[in-house]
Amino acid sequence: MTKASRLLMKDNALVPLVAIVLGLLVGAVIMLIGGYDPAAAYSSLIGKVVGDPYNLGETIREITPLILTGLSVAFAFRTGLFNIGGEGQFIVGMTGASVVGIKLSLPFWLHAPLAVVVGALAGGLWGAIAGYLKAKRGVNEVITTIMLNWIALYLGNYIVARFLLQPGQRRSYLIRDTASVSLPGLSELFGNARLHAGIPIALLAAIVFYIVLWRTRIGYELRAVGHSPSAAEYAGMHVNANVIRAMFIGGVFAGLAGVFEILGVFHYQVVQAASPGYGFDGIAVALLGGNHPLGVVLAAVLFGTLSYGSAGMSFGADVPPEIVRVIIGTVIFFVASHGIVRRYASPVPGPPQIRGGDLRPWTFCALSAS
């Protein structure tokens, strides 16, 4: 590894760390202005998260979907796309898992895996719609994914209300026990927290993300297309196919997040008045994590801890939970504002950029380090 690469890695790590510290400091200042005690608020937040096994388990449960939606957004970013449709892919994944989990009667060894696969593929295909429109029609993926989020919300509500609704309730029937991926033994160790098989699978998904993107030919092509579609096409790569493929893979990650919320946490799907929000939070997780799988996992831990621990701030220090959203928003602001953050971190030169039409052979060699 060259000295420049080491400095770049150090810089990439320092920016989010400094942003987190600045975000927490700004949150403390806001609490002081509002007449609250920041020390008591933060200690109450930490106490809520690690105070007992149940809350620790529920924090882990809260982190899991953030890892998967963060990976969804990060994968698209790494391939030159902006997947703002994780929310819709999350909902479609939920709905696919609900249909299989409720309507089919199968043995456990087949039922649960089938529900997981169907939900993941449903999320992937939902993402592929935006990829197809981008590749074939030139429609910006930001517009299509925003629209597909709303379509997914109301389509999911229609399917639940029309085919899965339990009479007298605003939710579906419970999934069959054979479709559940809950882990009762592990849950008992954490005070009956809602732990499930999606937790290790989310960590496995981060490993798969890394292997696919940096250790396979497909990943090389995806990154090449993201850096320079013109150069990739000149090199014989199928640009349109890779755009669709990237959005499909990103959709699979987000779909899995929705799958495990149904099969592992709630065991039913409600008629939703609004989107759950995990897909949008995934954008912030990916940004803070630097679009790297390890960074996404760590960012999800931070966001999940803040989100679940905000109740501790409310009850332990009488601080409104909205303050936590202010802190998260401030962290995102500082991450996005690299120029501000780098005043507190050692600046290093940025990575080499590949421009359209730059067809020198070493431009593709640079992709192996990006």
Protein backbone atom coordinates (compact mmCIF):
# COMPACT_ATOMS: atom_id res chain seq x y z
CA MET A 1 0.00 0.00 0.00
CA THR A 2 1.41 3.39 -1.00
CA LYS A 3 1.80 6.33 1.33
CA ALA A 4 -0.90 8.22 -0.57
CA SER A 5 -3.30 5.29 -0.11
CA ARG A 6 -2.62 5.16 3.62
CA LEU A 7 -3.20 8.89 3.95
CA LEU A 8 -6.42 8.60 1.95
CA MET A 9 -7.69 5.80 4.19
CA LYS A 10 -6.81 7.86 7.28
CA ASP A 11 -8.66 10.84 5.86
CA ASN A 12 -11.70 8.75 4.99
CA ALA A 13 -11.82 7.48 8.57
CA LEU A 14 -11.21 10.88 10.20
CA VAL A 15 -13.99 12.72 8.36
CA PRO A 16 -16.91 10.69 9.80
CA LEU A 17 -15.29 10.51 13.25
CA VAL A 18 -14.86 14.27 13.42
CA ALA A 19 -18.39 14.70 12.04
CA ILE A 20 -19.80 12.51 14.82
CA VAL A 21 -17.96 14.46 17.50
CA LEU A 22 -19.10 17.79 16.03
CA GLY A 23 -22.67 16.50 15.76
CA LEU A 24 -22.70 15.45 19.42
CA LEU A 25 -21.22 18.82 20.44
CA VAL A 26 -23.83 20.73 18.46
CA GLY A 27 -26.52 18.57 20.07
CA ALA A 28 -25.11 19.40 23.48
CA VAL A 29 -25.17 23.12 22.68
CA ILE A 30 -28.81 22.88 21.52
CA MET A 31 -29.73 21.07 24.75
CA LEU A 32 -27.98 23.76 26.82
CA ILE A 33 -29.89 26.48 24.97
CA GLY A 34 -33.13 24.61 25.63
CA GLY A 35 -32.35 24.30 29.33
CA TYR A 36 -31.46 20.59 29.35
CA ASP A 37 -28.44 18.84 30.81
CA PRO A 38 -26.38 17.29 27.96
CA ALA A 39 -24.37 15.05 30.32
CA ALA A 40 -27.53 13.62 31.86
CA ALA A 41 -29.10 13.21 28.40
CA TYR A 42 -26.18 11.30 26.90
CA SER A 43 -25.72 9.15 30.00
CA SER A 44 -29.45 8.33 29.94
CA LEU A 45 -29.16 7.41 26.27
CA ILE A 46 -26.28 5.03 26.95
CA GLY A 47 -28.05 3.63 30.00
CA LYS A 48 -31.14 2.88 27.92
CA VAL A 49 -29.09 0.94 25.36
CA VAL A 50 -26.84 -1.12 27.66
CA GLY A 51 -28.75 -0.95 30.92
CA ASP A 52 -30.24 -4.45 30.66
CA PRO A 53 -30.16 -7.42 28.26
CA TYR A 54 -33.59 -6.66 26.78
CA ASN A 55 -32.71 -3.13 25.70
CA LEU A 56 -29.34 -4.27 24.37
CA GLY A 57 -31.11 -6.93 22.29
CA GLU A 58 -33.67 -4.45 21.01
CA THR A 59 -30.88 -2.07 20.04
CA ILE A 60 -29.28 -4.84 17.99
CA ARG A 61 -32.68 -5.48 16.42
CA GLU A 62 -32.96 -1.78 15.54
CA ILE A 63 -29.48 -1.78 13.96
CA THR A 64 -30.15 -4.74 11.65
CA PRO A 65 -32.43 -3.12 9.02
CA LEU A 66 -30.19 -0.04 9.00
CA ILE A 67 -27.23 -2.20 7.98
CA LEU A 68 -29.16 -3.69 5.07
CA THR A 69 -30.69 -0.45 3.78
CA GLY A 70 -27.31 1.26 4.20
CA LEU A 71 -25.70 -1.46 2.09
CA SER A 72 -28.42 -0.97 -0.51
CA VAL A 73 -27.69 2.72 -0.90
CA ALA A 74 -23.91 2.27 -0.65
CA PHE A 75 -23.84 -0.38 -3.37
CA ALA A 76 -25.62 1.95 -5.77
CA PHE A 77 -23.32 4.84 -4.86
CA ARG A 78 -20.28 2.68 -5.57
CA THR A 79 -21.62 1.99 -9.06
CA GLY A 80 -22.40 5.62 -9.87
CA LEU A 81 -26.11 5.50 -9.03
CA PHE A 82 -28.24 7.19 -6.39
CA ASN A 83 -30.67 4.65 -4.95
CA ILE A 84 -33.13 6.76 -3.04
CA GLY A 85 -35.69 3.96 -3.46
CA GLY A 86 -34.59 1.78 -0.55
CA GLU A 87 -37.86 2.63 1.18
CA GLY A 88 -39.97 1.20 -1.62
CA GLN A 89 -37.73 -1.85 -1.96
CA PHE A 90 -38.01 -2.37 1.81
CA ILE A 91 -41.83 -2.32 1.62
CA VAL A 92 -41.97 -4.62 -1.40
CA GLY A 93 -39.68 -7.05 0.41
CA MET A 94 -42.00 -6.95 3.42
CA THR A 95 -45.02 -7.63 1.24
CA GLY A 96 -43.42 -10.52 -0.64
CA ALA A 97 -42.42 -12.17 2.64
CA SER A 98 -45.91 -11.63 4.07
CA VAL A 99 -47.64 -13.25 1.11
CA VAL A 100 -45.42 -16.34 1.25
CA GLY A 101 -45.45 -16.51 5.04
CA ILE A 102 -49.24 -16.30 5.31
CA LYS A 103 -50.61 -17.97 2.20
CA LEU A 104 -48.33 -20.99 1.84
CA SER A 105 -48.21 -24.03 4.10
CA LEU A 106 -44.79 -25.67 3.88
CA PRO A 107 -42.28 -27.37 6.18
CA PHE A 108 -39.95 -25.04 8.07
CA TRP A 109 -36.82 -26.02 6.16
CA LEU A 110 -38.52 -24.79 2.97
CA HIS A 111 -41.04 -22.18 4.11
CA ALA A 112 -38.74 -19.70 5.87
CA PRO A 113 -35.99 -19.78 3.20
CA LEU A 114 -38.59 -19.41 0.43
CA ALA A 115 -40.16 -16.39 2.15
CA VAL A 116 -36.72 -14.80 2.55
CA VAL A 117 -35.76 -15.42 -1.09
CA VAL A 118 -39.10 -14.21 -2.48
CA GLY A 119 -38.98 -11.00 -0.43
CA ALA A 120 -35.37 -10.33 -1.40
CA LEU A 121 -36.06 -10.94 -5.09
CA ALA A 122 -39.16 -8.74 -4.93
CA GLY A 123 -37.05 -5.89 -3.55
CA GLY A 124 -34.39 -6.53 -6.18
CA LEU A 125 -36.88 -6.49 -9.04
CA TRP A 126 -38.41 -3.30 -7.68
CA GLY A 127 -34.97 -1.69 -7.79
CA ALA A 128 -34.35 -3.13 -11.26
CA ILE A 129 -37.36 -1.20 -12.57
CA ALA A 130 -35.54 2.06 -11.90
CA GLY A 131 -32.36 0.57 -13.35
CA TYR A 132 -34.17 -0.43 -16.53
CA LEU A 133 -35.70 3.02 -16.97
CA LYS A 134 -32.26 4.57 -16.42
CA ALA A 135 -30.51 2.22 -18.85
CA LYS A 136 -33.09 2.03 -21.62
CA ARG A 137 -34.92 5.36 -21.41
CA GLY A 138 -32.38 7.64 -19.76
CA VAL A 139 -34.75 8.48 -16.90
CA ASN A 140 -32.93 9.76 -13.82
CA GLU A 141 -33.02 7.11 -11.09
CA VAL A 142 -33.70 9.70 -8.37
CA ILE A 143 -37.05 10.56 -9.95
CA THR A 144 -38.11 6.99 -10.62
CA THR A 145 -37.11 5.68 -7.20
CA ILE A 146 -39.01 8.47 -5.43
CA MET A 147 -42.12 7.61 -7.44
CA LEU A 148 -41.62 3.90 -6.89
CA ASN A 149 -41.47 4.51 -3.13
CA TRP A 150 -45.03 5.82 -3.18
CA ILE A 151 -46.22 3.11 -5.52
CA ALA A 152 -44.70 0.46 -3.22
CA LEU A 153 -46.41 1.97 -0.15
CA TYR A 154 -49.89 1.92 -1.67
CA LEU A 155 -49.38 -1.35 -3.52
CA GLY A 156 -48.32 -3.01 -0.27
CA ASN A 157 -51.34 -1.55 1.52
CA TYR A 158 -53.64 -2.80 -1.26
CA ILE A 159 -52.26 -6.34 -1.14
CA VAL A 160 -52.57 -6.49 2.65
CA ALA A 161 -56.08 -5.00 2.70
CA ARG A 162 -57.33 -7.09 -0.23
CA PHE A 163 -55.72 -10.50 0.34
CA LEU A 164 -54.10 -10.73 3.78
CA LEU A 165 -56.20 -8.62 6.14
CA GLN A 166 -57.35 -10.10 9.44
CA PRO A 167 -61.03 -9.16 9.95
CA GLY A 168 -61.52 -6.24 12.29
CA GLN A 169 -57.82 -5.34 12.24
CA ARG A 170 -55.65 -2.93 10.29
CA ARG A 171 -53.02 -5.62 9.81
CA SER A 172 -52.54 -8.93 8.11
CA TYR A 173 -52.91 -12.37 9.63
CA LEU A 174 -49.88 -13.62 11.49
CA ILE A 175 -47.37 -15.50 9.38
CA ARG A 176 -47.24 -19.26 9.90
CA ASP A 177 -44.80 -20.51 12.49
CA THR A 178 -42.89 -22.38 9.79
CA ALA A 179 -42.06 -19.05 8.12
CA SER A 180 -40.69 -17.38 11.26
CA VAL A 181 -36.96 -16.67 11.51
CA SER A 182 -37.10 -15.59 15.15
CA LEU A 183 -34.49 -17.11 17.46
CA PRO A 184 -36.31 -17.96 20.73
CA GLY A 185 -33.22 -19.34 22.45
CA LEU A 186 -31.17 -16.22 21.75
CA SER A 187 -34.12 -13.98 22.61
CA GLU A 188 -34.37 -15.56 26.08
CA LEU A 189 -30.74 -14.67 26.74
CA PHE A 190 -31.60 -11.03 25.98
CA GLY A 191 -34.74 -10.80 28.07
CA ASN A 192 -37.08 -11.88 25.24
CA ALA A 193 -35.87 -9.15 22.89
CA ARG A 194 -37.00 -9.71 19.30
CA LEU A 195 -33.80 -11.18 17.92
CA HIS A 196 -33.85 -13.13 14.67
CA ALA A 197 -31.76 -14.79 11.99
CA GLY A 198 -31.58 -11.56 10.02
CA ILE A 199 -28.91 -10.25 12.39
CA PRO A 200 -26.11 -12.60 11.27
CA ILE A 201 -27.42 -12.45 7.71
CA ALA A 202 -27.05 -8.65 7.72
CA LEU A 203 -23.39 -9.03 8.72
CA LEU A 204 -22.97 -11.71 6.06
CA ALA A 205 -24.52 -9.32 3.53
CA ALA A 206 -21.76 -6.79 4.32
CA ILE A 207 -19.16 -9.45 3.55
CA VAL A 208 -20.95 -10.38 0.32
CA PHE A 209 -21.03 -6.68 -0.61
CA TYR A 210 -17.25 -6.49 -0.29
CA ILE A 211 -16.57 -9.74 -2.15
CA VAL A 212 -18.90 -8.93 -5.04
CA LEU A 213 -17.70 -5.38 -5.53
CA TRP A 214 -13.95 -5.83 -5.02
CA ARG A 215 -13.21 -9.49 -5.66
CA THR A 216 -15.27 -10.42 -8.72
CA ARG A 217 -15.29 -9.53 -12.38
CA ILE A 218 -18.90 -8.35 -12.10
CA GLY A 219 -17.94 -5.96 -9.32
CA TYR A 220 -15.06 -4.61 -11.36
CA GLU A 221 -17.41 -3.90 -14.24
CA LEU A 222 -19.97 -2.28 -11.95
CA ARG A 223 -17.36 0.08 -10.51
CA ALA A 224 -15.95 0.78 -13.98
CA VAL A 225 -19.38 1.75 -15.27
CA GLY A 226 -19.88 3.98 -12.23
CA HIS A 227 -16.55 5.75 -12.77
CA SER A 228 -16.88 6.29 -16.51
CA PRO A 229 -19.64 4.75 -18.64
CA SER A 230 -17.91 5.86 -21.85
CA ALA A 231 -14.61 4.21 -20.95
CA ALA A 232 -16.39 1.07 -19.75
CA GLU A 233 -18.31 0.81 -23.01
CA TYR A 234 -15.11 1.28 -25.01
CA ALA A 235 -13.57 -1.58 -23.02
CA GLY A 236 -16.39 -3.87 -24.12
CA MET A 237 -18.53 -3.76 -20.97
CA HIS A 238 -22.34 -3.77 -21.18
CA VAL A 239 -23.18 -0.47 -19.52
CA ASN A 240 -26.98 -0.82 -19.56
CA ALA A 241 -26.91 -4.35 -18.18
CA ASN A 242 -24.62 -3.28 -15.37
CA VAL A 243 -26.87 -0.36 -14.43
CA ILE A 244 -29.84 -2.74 -14.12
CA ARG A 245 -27.70 -5.27 -12.25
CA ALA A 246 -26.50 -2.67 -9.75
CA MET A 247 -30.01 -1.49 -8.93
CA PHE A 248 -31.20 -5.08 -8.63
CA ILE A 249 -28.47 -5.98 -6.12
CA GLY A 250 -29.14 -2.82 -4.14
CA GLY A 251 -32.84 -3.68 -4.11
CA VAL A 252 -32.07 -7.17 -2.78
CA PHE A 253 -30.31 -5.68 0.26
CA ALA A 254 -33.22 -3.34 1.02
CA GLY A 255 -35.74 -6.10 0.36
CA LEU A 256 -33.98 -8.31 2.92
CA ALA A 257 -34.36 -5.54 5.50
CA GLY A 258 -38.12 -5.60 5.00
CA VAL A 259 -38.23 -9.40 4.97
CA PHE A 260 -36.71 -9.75 8.43
CA GLU A 261 -38.95 -7.08 9.92
CA ILE A 262 -41.90 -9.32 9.00
CA LEU A 263 -40.48 -12.80 9.53
CA GLY A 264 -38.34 -12.00 12.55
CA VAL A 265 -39.81 -9.02 14.42
CA PHE A 266 -43.54 -8.37 13.96
CA HIS A 267 -44.78 -11.52 12.17
CA TYR A 268 -47.48 -9.47 10.43
CA GLN A 269 -47.75 -6.48 8.11
CA VAL A 270 -49.86 -3.42 8.88
CA VAL A 271 -51.74 -1.14 6.52
CA GLN A 272 -49.29 1.73 6.73
CA ALA A 273 -50.25 5.38 6.89
CA ALA A 274 -46.67 6.38 6.03
CA SER A 275 -43.38 4.79 5.08
CA PRO A 276 -41.37 3.12 7.89
CA GLY A 277 -38.33 5.31 7.18
CA TYR A 278 -35.60 2.67 7.18
CA GLY A 279 -34.86 3.21 3.49
CA PHE A 280 -34.33 6.92 3.98
CA ASP A 281 -32.20 6.36 7.08
CA GLY A 282 -30.12 4.01 4.93
CA ILE A 283 -29.02 7.02 2.85
CA ALA A 284 -27.58 8.66 5.95
CA VAL A 285 -25.97 5.39 7.07
CA ALA A 286 -24.29 4.93 3.69
CA LEU A 287 -23.06 8.52 3.66
CA LEU A 288 -21.61 8.32 7.15
CA GLY A 289 -20.11 4.90 6.40
CA GLY A 290 -18.28 6.20 3.35
CA ASN A 291 -20.12 3.67 1.14
CA HIS A 292 -17.87 0.93 2.50
CA PRO A 293 -19.46 -2.20 4.03
CA LEU A 294 -17.49 -1.94 7.28
CA GLY A 295 -18.28 1.75 7.53
CA VAL A 296 -21.96 1.04 6.89
CA VAL A 297 -22.06 -1.49 9.73
CA LEU A 298 -20.43 0.96 12.14
CA ALA A 299 -22.67 3.82 11.01
CA ALA A 300 -25.75 1.62 11.47
CA VAL A 301 -24.59 0.84 15.02
CA LEU A 302 -24.38 4.56 15.74
CA PHE A 303 -27.74 5.42 14.18
CA GLY A 304 -29.50 2.45 15.76
CA THR A 305 -28.05 3.28 19.16
CA LEU A 306 -29.14 6.91 18.90
CA SER A 307 -32.61 6.02 17.64
CA TYR A 308 -33.36 3.39 20.27
CA GLY A 309 -31.60 5.27 23.07
CA SER A 310 -33.60 8.45 22.43
CA ALA A 311 -36.33 7.03 24.68
CA GLY A 312 -33.81 7.01 27.52
CA MET A 313 -33.14 10.69 26.96
CA SER A 314 -36.86 11.39 27.18
CA PHE A 315 -37.50 9.49 30.40
CA GLY A 316 -34.12 9.90 32.07
CA ALA A 317 -33.37 13.55 31.29
CA ASP A 318 -36.71 14.88 29.99
CA VAL A 319 -35.10 15.70 26.62
CA PRO A 320 -37.43 15.54 23.58
CA PRO A 321 -36.54 12.61 21.27
CA GLU A 322 -36.49 15.05 18.36
CA ILE A 323 -33.12 16.24 19.68
CA VAL A 324 -31.67 12.91 18.54
CA ARG A 325 -32.88 13.57 15.00
CA VAL A 326 -31.21 16.98 15.20
CA ILE A 327 -27.95 15.30 16.23
CA ILE A 328 -28.21 12.79 13.38
CA GLY A 329 -28.98 15.56 10.91
CA THR A 330 -26.00 17.56 12.17
CA VAL A 331 -23.68 14.56 11.78
CA ILE A 332 -24.89 14.11 8.21
CA PHE A 333 -24.36 17.81 7.54
CA PHE A 334 -20.75 17.66 8.70
CA VAL A 335 -20.08 14.46 6.74
CA ALA A 336 -21.44 16.13 3.61
CA SER A 337 -19.48 19.30 4.33
CA HIS A 338 -16.00 17.82 3.91
CA GLY A 339 -14.45 21.26 3.65
CA ILE A 340 -15.60 22.17 7.15
CA VAL A 341 -14.59 18.85 8.69
CA ARG A 342 -11.16 18.80 7.06
CA ARG A 343 -10.29 21.98 8.94
CA TYR A 344 -10.04 19.65 11.95
CA ALA A 345 -8.43 16.73 10.10
CA SER A 346 -5.26 16.47 8.06
CA PRO A 347 -6.11 17.17 4.43
CA VAL A 348 -4.87 14.69 1.85
CA PRO A 349 -5.27 14.66 -1.89
CA GLY A 350 -8.46 13.05 -3.12
CA PRO A 351 -8.56 9.87 -5.19
CA PRO A 352 -7.92 10.09 -8.90
CA GLN A 353 -11.02 10.75 -10.95
CA ILE A 354 -11.78 9.00 -14.22
CA ARG A 355 -13.35 11.30 -16.74
CA GLY A 356 -15.49 10.35 -19.65
CA GLY A 357 -13.24 9.76 -22.65
CA ASP A 358 -10.16 9.06 -20.52
CA LEU A 359 -9.30 5.66 -21.98
CA ARG A 360 -5.77 5.21 -20.71
CA PRO A 361 -5.22 1.65 -19.46
CA TRP A 362 -4.16 2.71 -15.99
CA THR A 363 -7.53 4.38 -15.36
CA PHE A 364 -9.05 0.93 -15.04
CA CYS A 365 -6.15 -0.27 -12.91
CA ALA A 366 -6.99 2.49 -10.44
CA LEU A 367 -10.40 0.91 -9.89
CA SER A 368 -8.86 -1.94 -7.93
CA ALA A 369 -8.04 0.52 -5.12
CA SER A 370 -11.31 2.46 -5.23
